Protein backbone atom coordinates (compact mmCIF):
# COMPACT_ATOMS: atom_id res chain seq x y z
CA MET A 1 -76.84 -30.98 -42.04
CA ARG A 2 -76.00 -34.61 -42.77
CA VAL A 3 -76.92 -35.83 -46.25
CA PHE A 4 -76.82 -39.47 -47.36
CA LEU A 5 -76.00 -39.89 -51.03
CA ASP A 6 -75.76 -42.82 -53.42
CA PHE A 7 -74.93 -43.42 -57.08
CA GLU A 8 -75.78 -46.26 -59.42
CA ALA A 9 -73.38 -46.85 -62.31
CA SER A 10 -73.29 -48.34 -65.78
CA SER A 11 -70.44 -50.65 -64.82
CA LEU A 12 -67.77 -51.15 -62.19
CA ALA A 13 -65.21 -51.66 -64.98
CA ASP A 14 -62.90 -48.94 -66.25
CA GLY A 15 -64.98 -46.46 -68.19
CA GLY A 16 -68.13 -47.01 -66.14
CA PHE A 17 -70.15 -43.88 -65.45
CA PRO A 18 -72.88 -42.61 -63.10
CA ILE A 19 -76.43 -43.27 -64.28
CA GLU A 20 -78.43 -42.32 -61.18
CA VAL A 21 -77.83 -40.22 -58.09
CA ALA A 22 -80.00 -39.56 -55.06
CA TRP A 23 -79.59 -37.84 -51.76
CA VAL A 24 -81.57 -37.72 -48.55
CA PHE A 25 -81.11 -35.01 -45.96
CA GLU A 26 -81.25 -36.06 -42.34
CA ASN A 27 -84.68 -34.38 -42.10
CA GLY A 28 -86.02 -36.64 -44.88
CA ARG A 29 -85.96 -34.19 -47.80
CA SER A 30 -84.71 -36.05 -50.86
CA GLU A 31 -84.06 -35.91 -54.57
CA THR A 32 -83.27 -38.54 -57.17
CA HIS A 33 -82.06 -38.07 -60.74
CA LEU A 34 -81.49 -40.40 -63.64
CA ILE A 35 -78.44 -39.15 -65.55
CA ARG A 36 -78.42 -39.06 -69.34
CA PRO A 37 -74.89 -40.14 -70.29
CA ALA A 38 -72.38 -37.73 -71.79
CA GLU A 39 -71.33 -38.66 -75.34
CA ALA A 40 -67.96 -39.98 -74.15
CA TRP A 41 -69.60 -42.32 -71.63
CA THR A 42 -70.02 -45.59 -73.46
CA VAL A 43 -69.08 -48.52 -71.18
CA TRP A 44 -72.18 -50.53 -70.31
CA ASP A 45 -72.40 -53.76 -68.34
CA ALA A 46 -75.50 -55.93 -68.83
CA GLU A 47 -74.89 -57.56 -65.44
CA ALA A 48 -74.96 -54.15 -63.73
CA GLU A 49 -78.19 -53.36 -65.59
CA ALA A 50 -79.70 -56.62 -64.31
CA ILE A 51 -78.96 -55.45 -60.75
CA HIS A 52 -80.18 -51.83 -60.89
CA ARG A 53 -82.77 -52.42 -63.64
CA ILE A 54 -82.07 -49.11 -65.40
CA SER A 55 -81.69 -49.43 -69.17
CA ARG A 56 -79.75 -47.25 -71.57
CA ASP A 57 -83.05 -46.47 -73.31
CA GLN A 58 -84.59 -45.35 -70.03
CA LEU A 59 -81.62 -43.01 -69.44
CA ALA A 60 -81.98 -41.56 -72.95
CA GLU A 61 -85.70 -40.97 -72.48
CA GLU A 62 -85.97 -40.02 -68.79
CA GLY A 63 -82.48 -38.95 -67.76
CA ALA A 64 -81.54 -35.36 -67.08
CA ASP A 65 -78.51 -33.91 -68.82
CA HIS A 66 -75.38 -34.72 -66.80
CA ARG A 67 -74.49 -31.00 -66.62
CA ASP A 68 -77.87 -30.17 -65.09
CA VAL A 69 -77.55 -32.94 -62.51
CA ALA A 70 -74.05 -31.80 -61.55
CA ALA A 71 -75.21 -28.18 -61.21
CA ARG A 72 -78.20 -29.25 -59.12
CA MET A 73 -75.92 -31.24 -56.82
CA LEU A 74 -73.69 -28.22 -56.26
CA ASP A 75 -76.68 -25.99 -55.65
CA GLN A 76 -78.37 -28.31 -53.16
CA LEU A 77 -75.43 -30.03 -51.46
CA SER A 78 -72.70 -27.41 -51.07
CA GLY A 79 -72.03 -26.68 -47.43
CA HIS A 80 -73.52 -29.95 -46.16
CA ALA A 81 -71.77 -33.03 -44.83
CA LEU A 82 -72.17 -35.73 -47.52
CA TYR A 83 -72.02 -39.41 -46.58
CA VAL A 84 -71.88 -42.53 -48.73
CA THR A 85 -71.42 -46.23 -48.04
CA ALA A 86 -68.71 -46.71 -50.67
CA PRO A 87 -66.55 -43.56 -50.73
CA SER A 88 -64.14 -44.93 -53.32
CA TRP A 89 -66.83 -45.87 -55.87
CA ASP A 90 -69.19 -42.98 -55.16
CA GLY A 91 -66.27 -40.57 -55.18
CA GLN A 92 -65.26 -41.87 -58.60
CA TRP A 93 -68.77 -41.30 -59.98
CA LEU A 94 -69.05 -37.86 -58.40
CA SER A 95 -65.66 -36.80 -59.73
CA LEU A 96 -66.49 -38.00 -63.26
CA LEU A 97 -69.86 -36.26 -63.21
CA LEU A 98 -68.41 -32.95 -62.02
CA ARG A 99 -65.38 -33.02 -64.36
CA THR A 100 -67.47 -33.92 -67.40
CA ALA A 101 -69.84 -31.05 -66.56
CA GLY A 102 -66.87 -28.67 -66.46
CA LEU A 103 -67.04 -28.21 -62.69
CA PRO A 104 -64.24 -28.62 -60.14
CA ARG A 105 -64.01 -32.33 -59.28
CA HIS A 106 -63.52 -31.58 -55.58
CA ALA A 107 -66.41 -29.13 -55.33
CA LEU A 108 -68.23 -31.68 -53.15
CA ARG A 109 -66.52 -34.04 -50.70
CA LEU A 110 -67.81 -37.43 -49.63
CA ARG A 111 -67.25 -39.14 -46.30
CA ASP A 112 -67.93 -42.68 -45.16
CA ALA A 113 -71.49 -43.14 -43.84
CA ASP A 114 -70.14 -44.91 -40.75
CA GLU A 115 -68.57 -41.58 -39.73
CA ALA A 116 -72.04 -40.01 -39.72
CA HIS A 117 -73.46 -42.89 -37.72
CA ARG A 118 -70.61 -42.81 -35.20
CA GLU A 119 -70.90 -39.04 -34.82
CA ALA A 120 -74.67 -39.31 -34.31
CA ALA A 121 -74.23 -41.97 -31.63
CA LEU A 122 -71.45 -40.09 -29.85
CA ASN A 123 -73.47 -36.87 -29.79
CA VAL A 124 -76.22 -38.67 -27.89
CA LEU A 125 -73.94 -40.76 -25.69
CA LYS A 126 -71.73 -37.85 -24.64
CA VAL A 127 -74.52 -35.34 -24.17
CA MET A 128 -76.37 -37.82 -21.99
CA GLY A 129 -73.29 -38.61 -19.91
CA ALA A 130 -72.04 -41.89 -21.34
CA ARG A 131 -68.73 -43.42 -20.24
CA ASP A 132 -65.27 -43.11 -21.76
CA ASP A 133 -65.79 -46.21 -23.95
CA ALA A 134 -68.35 -44.31 -26.00
CA THR A 135 -66.59 -44.94 -29.34
CA ALA A 136 -66.65 -48.71 -28.89
CA MET A 137 -70.26 -48.47 -27.75
CA ALA A 138 -71.12 -46.34 -30.80
CA ASP A 139 -69.60 -48.94 -33.14
CA LYS A 140 -71.70 -51.68 -31.50
CA LEU A 141 -74.81 -49.54 -31.94
CA ILE A 142 -74.01 -49.03 -35.63
CA ASP A 143 -73.79 -52.78 -36.14
CA GLU A 144 -77.07 -53.29 -34.29
CA ALA A 145 -78.79 -50.50 -36.22
CA ARG A 146 -77.67 -51.98 -39.54
CA TRP A 147 -79.04 -55.35 -38.46
CA ASN A 148 -82.34 -53.78 -37.38
CA VAL A 149 -83.11 -51.63 -40.41
CA LEU A 150 -81.21 -52.69 -43.52
CA PRO A 151 -82.96 -55.06 -45.89
CA GLU A 152 -81.27 -58.37 -46.67
CA THR A 153 -80.78 -57.23 -50.25
CA PRO A 154 -79.94 -53.59 -50.99
CA ALA A 155 -82.36 -51.74 -53.26
CA HIS A 156 -79.60 -51.08 -55.81
CA ARG A 157 -81.41 -47.88 -56.63
CA ALA A 158 -79.86 -44.64 -55.49
CA LEU A 159 -82.78 -43.27 -53.49
CA GLY A 160 -83.56 -46.55 -51.74
CA ASP A 161 -79.94 -47.06 -50.76
CA ALA A 162 -79.48 -43.46 -49.58
CA GLU A 163 -82.70 -43.64 -47.54
CA ALA A 164 -81.53 -46.91 -45.98
CA GLU A 165 -78.42 -45.14 -44.64
CA ARG A 166 -80.57 -42.32 -43.26
CA GLN A 167 -82.65 -44.95 -41.47
CA VAL A 168 -79.48 -46.49 -40.01
CA CYS A 169 -78.49 -43.08 -38.65
CA LEU A 170 -81.90 -42.53 -37.08
CA GLU A 171 -81.81 -46.02 -35.56
CA VAL A 172 -78.32 -45.41 -34.17
CA GLN A 173 -79.60 -42.30 -32.43
CA ARG A 174 -82.59 -44.17 -31.03
CA LEU A 175 -80.40 -46.99 -29.76
CA ALA A 176 -77.96 -44.52 -28.20
CA ARG A 177 -80.79 -42.78 -26.30
CA GLU A 178 -82.06 -46.18 -25.15
CA THR A 179 -78.57 -47.19 -24.03
CA VAL A 180 -78.07 -44.02 -21.99
CA ARG A 181 -81.46 -44.46 -20.33
CA GLY A 182 -80.47 -47.99 -19.43
CA GLY A 183 -83.13 -49.56 -21.61
C-alpha cells in the first residue's frame, strides 16, 4: 500500500535532526510522533522552530524516545511503498533516526511522492483505455491536483504535510477518472 510520510527537523544545517515524523496510508490510517532527541543531537535553529512551532521543551516533555519511534516505523511501514516530497531531506532524517537507534539505515526506502501520483494516474488512465501519451497526461493531472488541493502555505507539521500528499494522490485519481470519461 502507498504511504505518505513527512519529517520536521530541528534545522536544515549540518547536525540537524528529526523532531517529528508522521505517515498516512492511502486508506487514511495515520500516525504522528514527536521525537525526543538523542543526546548527541544538539543543533537547533530558532528560525526552523518559528516555522514548525515545536520547541525543544515540548520534545523533552511530549516526545517519544527516538529508538521507540524508529522501531515503530519499522513495524508499521516495512513492506509498504513510502513516498515523501523531499527525498533528500526526508531520507537524511530517516537515516539518522534509524542509525542512531541502532537499526540498519536502509531498512526503509523513500521514493518521491510524484512517483506515487504518476503511478496512481497511470493505473486509472491505462485501465480505462487512455492513449499512448498517458505519462504526459498524468504529469498534467498531478500539477492540476496540486493546484486544487494543496494549501498556499504548507502546514510545516509532519501529519498535515503527509495528509496533503495523500489528498493530492486521491485528487489525481479523481481527475484521471474524469479525464477518461471525457469530463
